[in-house]
């Protein structure tokens, strides 16, 4: 219910003079911020106790950081967003909706909204009676039946961390943002005017693609009408699979030693021996 009320409030702001009179790109920044906050169920731009900076806000709503720098102060000055005591940016509208939701939850858990005359609300009670012709025993109610333990209710795949999630988490935000915006530029998409989710780029990087490979594929495979980076996922996977396997570290060290010997050691120093570089476990 709170999410529905917040969504309605966001739509109402589109008729608010403070929003209507904003520049179109400023309106886009405002809508992106408040919608992302609502979808993430937060009312203040923080990671736990860490305050989001402008770069992190730009990544959070997937818009160019220059647009944040240009329009954020105006949005705050008009009261659509506000600075908290620690400097974090909050949304008064979402904070008010969250407070109202919490009050409704407390009232509901105590039997409903308190009466004006102070009389405590009466809870409706039901009496379980035996069924005629039965064995005289009442069936257990749903609340009395045994409930499975948390471990039994939790699917096995949620009990351990996904290896894919581990791979994706190793991609830095800076690399993700740099390559993501480069992909949109290669596609000819103006981030200031069109919202495009480039989250798939993080997966490509985690799978082993680099910036050069990704931009090469996007440039070669780009077609009129393509509006999402997801279109290139199959081609990226094929490029990763077709890439020559990397030599192991010991073999690269041997090649470097041989190159040095060829350059300045031939005739003066013994030739590097492969056995000195190859690990014992390698046949």
Protein backbone atom coordinates (compact mmCIF):
# COMPACT_ATOMS: atom_id res chain seq x y z
CA UNK A 1 0.00 0.00 0.00
CA UNK A 2 2.85 2.39 0.89
CA UNK A 3 4.52 1.70 -2.48
CA UNK A 4 1.23 2.43 -4.27
CA UNK A 5 0.78 5.69 -2.36
CA UNK A 6 4.37 6.72 -3.11
CA UNK A 7 3.90 5.98 -6.81
CA UNK A 8 0.78 8.13 -6.88
CA UNK A 9 2.68 10.91 -5.12
CA UNK A 10 5.47 10.73 -7.72
CA UNK A 11 2.90 11.10 -10.51
CA UNK A 12 1.33 14.02 -8.67
CA UNK A 13 4.67 15.86 -8.67
CA UNK A 14 4.51 16.02 -12.47
CA UNK A 15 1.79 18.65 -11.95
CA UNK A 16 3.72 20.41 -9.16
CA UNK A 17 4.85 23.91 -10.28
CA UNK A 18 8.29 23.22 -8.75
CA UNK A 19 8.73 20.32 -11.19
CA UNK A 20 6.81 21.69 -14.20
CA UNK A 21 9.05 24.77 -14.32
CA UNK A 22 12.29 22.76 -14.22
CA UNK A 23 14.34 22.31 -17.38
CA UNK A 24 13.51 19.01 -19.16
CA UNK A 25 16.83 17.42 -18.17
CA UNK A 26 16.33 18.53 -14.55
CA UNK A 27 12.87 16.93 -14.58
CA UNK A 28 14.50 13.71 -15.84
CA UNK A 29 17.08 13.78 -13.02
CA UNK A 30 14.31 14.30 -10.42
CA UNK A 31 12.14 11.47 -11.76
CA UNK A 32 15.14 9.11 -12.02
CA UNK A 33 16.23 9.81 -8.44
CA UNK A 34 12.84 9.52 -6.76
CA UNK A 35 11.86 6.43 -8.79
CA UNK A 36 15.16 4.66 -8.06
CA UNK A 37 14.80 5.46 -4.35
CA UNK A 38 11.25 4.14 -4.29
CA UNK A 39 12.18 0.95 -6.14
CA UNK A 40 15.07 0.38 -3.71
CA UNK A 41 12.79 1.10 -0.71
CA UNK A 42 15.02 3.89 0.62
CA UNK A 43 14.28 7.53 1.39
CA UNK A 44 17.88 8.75 1.86
CA UNK A 45 20.79 8.24 -0.56
CA UNK A 46 23.09 6.21 1.66
CA UNK A 47 24.93 2.87 1.55
CA UNK A 48 24.30 1.89 5.18
CA UNK A 49 26.10 4.71 6.99
CA UNK A 50 28.10 5.83 3.93
CA UNK A 51 26.72 8.83 2.05
CA UNK A 52 26.39 8.50 -1.74
CA UNK A 53 28.58 10.98 -3.60
CA UNK A 54 27.70 12.47 -6.99
CA UNK A 55 29.48 9.71 -8.91
CA UNK A 56 27.59 7.00 -7.00
CA UNK A 57 24.27 8.84 -7.47
CA UNK A 58 24.94 9.01 -11.21
CA UNK A 59 25.59 5.26 -11.28
CA UNK A 60 22.56 4.59 -9.07
CA UNK A 61 20.16 6.34 -11.48
CA UNK A 62 22.31 5.61 -14.58
CA UNK A 63 22.64 9.13 -15.88
CA UNK A 64 25.69 11.24 -16.77
CA UNK A 65 27.43 12.74 -13.73
CA UNK A 66 27.52 16.15 -15.43
CA UNK A 67 23.70 16.21 -15.34
CA UNK A 68 23.79 15.56 -11.58
CA UNK A 69 26.27 18.40 -11.06
CA UNK A 70 24.15 20.76 -13.18
CA UNK A 71 20.68 20.14 -11.75
CA UNK A 72 20.94 18.60 -8.25
CA UNK A 73 21.32 21.94 -6.42
CA UNK A 74 18.24 23.38 -8.16
CA UNK A 75 16.16 20.34 -7.21
CA UNK A 76 17.28 20.66 -3.57
CA UNK A 77 16.66 24.43 -3.52
CA UNK A 78 13.05 23.82 -4.61
CA UNK A 79 12.45 21.43 -1.71
CA UNK A 80 11.96 18.31 -3.81
CA UNK A 81 15.05 16.82 -2.15
CA UNK A 82 16.72 17.88 1.10
CA UNK A 83 20.08 17.59 2.84
CA UNK A 84 20.11 15.54 6.03
CA UNK A 85 22.18 16.56 9.04
CA UNK A 86 25.13 14.44 7.88
CA UNK A 87 24.96 15.84 4.34
CA UNK A 88 23.15 12.87 2.77
CA UNK A 89 20.35 13.67 0.31
CA UNK A 90 16.87 12.61 1.33
CA UNK A 91 13.43 12.78 -0.26
CA UNK A 92 10.86 14.38 2.08
CA UNK A 93 7.97 12.93 0.05
CA UNK A 94 9.22 9.34 0.43
CA UNK A 95 10.14 9.90 4.08
CA UNK A 96 6.60 11.09 4.79
CA UNK A 97 5.12 8.05 2.98
CA UNK A 98 7.40 5.72 4.95
CA UNK A 99 6.38 7.32 8.27
CA UNK A 100 2.70 7.02 7.36
CA UNK A 101 3.20 3.36 6.43
CA UNK A 102 4.92 2.66 9.76
CA UNK A 103 2.04 4.29 11.68
CA UNK A 104 -0.49 2.18 9.77
CA UNK A 105 1.54 -0.96 10.49
CA UNK A 106 1.63 -0.22 14.23
CA UNK A 107 -2.11 0.54 14.29
CA UNK A 108 -2.83 -2.66 12.39
CA UNK A 109 -0.77 -4.81 14.77
CA UNK A 110 -2.72 -3.41 17.74
CA UNK A 111 -6.13 -4.07 16.23
CA UNK A 112 -6.66 -1.00 14.06
CA UNK A 113 -6.66 2.78 14.34
CA UNK A 114 -7.25 3.97 17.96
CA UNK A 115 -10.81 5.15 18.65
CA UNK A 116 -11.41 8.83 19.34
CA UNK A 117 -13.03 8.11 22.73
CA UNK A 118 -10.04 6.04 23.85
CA UNK A 119 -12.03 2.78 24.04
CA UNK A 120 -9.75 -0.16 23.11
CA UNK A 121 -10.89 -1.98 19.95
CA UNK A 122 -12.53 -5.36 20.38
CA UNK A 123 -10.92 -8.29 18.59
CA UNK A 124 -13.32 -10.69 16.91
CA UNK A 125 -12.94 -14.20 18.31
CA UNK A 126 -14.05 -17.49 16.83
CA UNK A 127 -15.04 -20.69 18.61
CA UNK A 128 -14.08 -24.07 17.20
CA UNK A 129 -16.89 -26.62 17.48
CA UNK A 130 -16.81 -30.33 16.67
CA UNK A 131 -18.53 -31.39 13.45
CA UNK A 132 -21.62 -33.56 14.02
CA UNK A 133 -20.84 -37.18 13.21
CA UNK A 134 -17.11 -36.63 13.55
CA UNK A 135 -14.71 -38.09 16.08
CA UNK A 136 -15.17 -35.21 18.47
CA UNK A 137 -11.70 -33.83 17.75
CA UNK A 138 -11.16 -30.44 16.27
CA UNK A 139 -8.75 -29.99 13.39
CA UNK A 140 -5.64 -28.01 14.05
CA UNK A 141 -5.91 -24.47 12.86
CA UNK A 142 -3.43 -23.15 10.36
CA UNK A 143 -1.58 -21.34 13.15
CA UNK A 144 -1.30 -24.55 15.20
CA UNK A 145 0.09 -26.75 12.44
CA UNK A 146 3.81 -27.34 12.44
CA UNK A 147 5.70 -24.87 10.35
CA UNK A 148 8.84 -25.91 8.51
CA UNK A 149 12.15 -24.58 9.80
CA UNK A 150 13.86 -21.70 8.01
CA UNK A 151 16.41 -24.10 6.55
CA UNK A 152 13.64 -26.30 5.16
CA UNK A 153 11.82 -23.33 3.64
CA UNK A 154 14.91 -21.84 2.02
CA UNK A 155 15.76 -23.19 -1.46
CA UNK A 156 19.16 -24.87 -1.62
CA UNK A 157 20.42 -22.44 -4.25
CA UNK A 158 19.97 -19.55 -1.79
CA UNK A 159 21.98 -21.19 0.99
CA UNK A 160 25.30 -20.63 -0.75
CA UNK A 161 26.71 -17.67 -2.63
CA UNK A 162 26.45 -17.93 -6.38
CA UNK A 163 29.82 -18.16 -8.13
CA UNK A 164 28.45 -15.85 -10.81
CA UNK A 165 27.62 -13.20 -8.18
CA UNK A 166 31.18 -13.47 -6.87
CA UNK A 167 32.57 -12.87 -10.39
CA UNK A 168 30.31 -9.86 -10.98
CA UNK A 169 31.22 -8.33 -7.61
CA UNK A 170 34.91 -8.22 -8.60
CA UNK A 171 34.18 -5.64 -11.34
CA UNK A 172 34.87 -2.15 -9.99
CA UNK A 173 32.25 0.58 -10.22
CA UNK A 174 34.74 2.81 -12.07
CA UNK A 175 35.43 0.22 -14.78
CA UNK A 176 31.73 -0.64 -15.07
CA UNK A 177 30.75 3.03 -15.49
CA UNK A 178 33.58 3.79 -17.95
CA UNK A 179 32.77 0.86 -20.24
CA UNK A 180 28.98 1.24 -19.84
CA UNK A 181 28.93 4.87 -20.95
CA UNK A 182 31.38 4.05 -23.77
CA UNK A 183 28.96 1.37 -25.03
CA UNK A 184 26.07 3.86 -25.04
CA UNK A 185 28.22 6.37 -26.94
CA UNK A 186 29.12 3.67 -29.49
CA UNK A 187 25.40 2.94 -29.89
CA UNK A 188 24.67 6.65 -30.44
CA UNK A 189 22.45 6.92 -27.36
CA UNK A 190 22.21 10.27 -25.54
CA UNK A 191 22.01 9.44 -21.82
CA UNK A 192 20.72 12.92 -21.00
CA UNK A 193 17.58 12.31 -23.08
CA UNK A 194 17.03 8.54 -23.01
CA UNK A 195 17.24 6.14 -20.07
CA UNK A 196 19.03 2.91 -21.01
CA UNK A 197 20.03 0.25 -18.48
CA UNK A 198 23.56 -0.97 -19.21
CA UNK A 199 23.83 -3.38 -16.25
CA UNK A 200 24.64 -6.25 -18.65
CA UNK A 201 28.06 -4.62 -19.24
CA UNK A 202 29.11 -5.62 -15.71
CA UNK A 203 28.38 -9.26 -16.61
CA UNK A 204 30.45 -9.03 -19.81
CA UNK A 205 33.41 -7.68 -17.84
CA UNK A 206 33.04 -10.39 -15.21
CA UNK A 207 32.99 -13.06 -17.94
CA UNK A 208 36.38 -11.88 -19.19
CA UNK A 209 35.66 -9.31 -21.89
CA UNK A 210 37.64 -6.06 -21.84
CA UNK A 211 36.76 -2.57 -23.04
CA UNK A 212 38.44 -2.97 -26.43
CA UNK A 213 36.67 -6.26 -27.18
CA UNK A 214 33.27 -4.93 -26.10
CA UNK A 215 33.51 -1.74 -28.17
CA UNK A 216 34.75 -3.71 -31.18
CA UNK A 217 31.73 -6.03 -31.01
CA UNK A 218 29.26 -3.17 -30.44
CA UNK A 219 30.70 -1.17 -33.35
CA UNK A 220 30.61 -4.15 -35.75
CA UNK A 221 27.18 -5.48 -34.71
CA UNK A 222 25.30 -2.21 -34.24
CA UNK A 223 22.15 -2.03 -36.39
CA UNK A 224 19.42 0.61 -36.83
CA UNK A 225 16.69 0.22 -34.21
CA UNK A 226 18.91 -1.40 -31.56
CA UNK A 227 18.18 0.39 -28.27
CA UNK A 228 19.60 -1.92 -25.58
CA UNK A 229 23.11 -3.29 -24.91
CA UNK A 230 21.54 -6.72 -24.24
CA UNK A 231 21.34 -7.12 -28.02
CA UNK A 232 25.11 -7.73 -28.11
CA UNK A 233 25.29 -10.40 -25.38
CA UNK A 234 25.45 -13.35 -27.78
CA UNK A 235 28.19 -11.72 -29.89
CA UNK A 236 30.18 -10.81 -26.76
CA UNK A 237 29.97 -14.43 -25.53
CA UNK A 238 31.18 -15.68 -28.94
CA UNK A 239 34.08 -13.21 -28.90
CA UNK A 240 35.12 -14.36 -25.42
CA UNK A 241 34.97 -18.03 -26.48
CA UNK A 242 36.98 -17.36 -29.66
CA UNK A 243 39.74 -15.50 -27.84
CA UNK A 244 43.04 -17.42 -27.66
CA UNK A 245 43.68 -18.94 -24.25
CA UNK A 246 46.09 -16.97 -22.08
CA UNK A 247 49.48 -18.52 -21.47
CA UNK A 248 50.19 -19.48 -17.85
CA UNK A 249 52.37 -17.11 -15.85
CA UNK A 250 55.42 -19.41 -15.85
CA UNK A 251 55.32 -19.65 -19.65
CA UNK A 252 55.10 -15.87 -20.01
CA UNK A 253 58.12 -15.51 -17.72
CA UNK A 254 60.06 -18.01 -19.83
CA UNK A 255 59.17 -16.13 -23.05
CA UNK A 256 60.33 -12.84 -21.48
CA UNK A 257 63.62 -14.43 -20.37
CA UNK A 258 64.19 -15.84 -23.86
CA UNK A 259 63.51 -12.43 -25.42
CA UNK A 260 66.06 -10.80 -23.10
CA UNK A 261 68.61 -13.52 -23.91
CA UNK A 262 68.08 -13.12 -27.66
CA UNK A 263 68.46 -9.35 -27.33
CA UNK A 264 71.60 -9.09 -25.23
CA UNK A 265 72.58 -12.41 -23.69
CA UNK A 266 73.35 -14.66 -26.67
CA UNK A 267 77.03 -15.60 -26.55
CA UNK A 268 77.50 -14.07 -23.10
CA UNK A 269 75.02 -15.89 -20.87
CA UNK A 270 73.56 -19.41 -20.80
CA UNK A 271 70.24 -19.83 -22.60
CA UNK A 272 67.24 -19.93 -20.23
CA UNK A 273 66.11 -23.49 -19.48
CA UNK A 274 62.38 -24.21 -19.71
CA UNK A 275 62.63 -26.63 -16.79
CA UNK A 276 63.67 -23.75 -14.51
CA UNK A 277 60.34 -22.04 -15.15
CA UNK A 278 57.89 -24.94 -15.45
CA UNK A 279 56.19 -25.90 -12.15
CA UNK A 280 56.79 -29.46 -10.94
CA UNK A 281 53.08 -30.32 -11.23
CA UNK A 282 53.07 -29.47 -14.95
CA UNK A 283 54.04 -32.48 -17.05
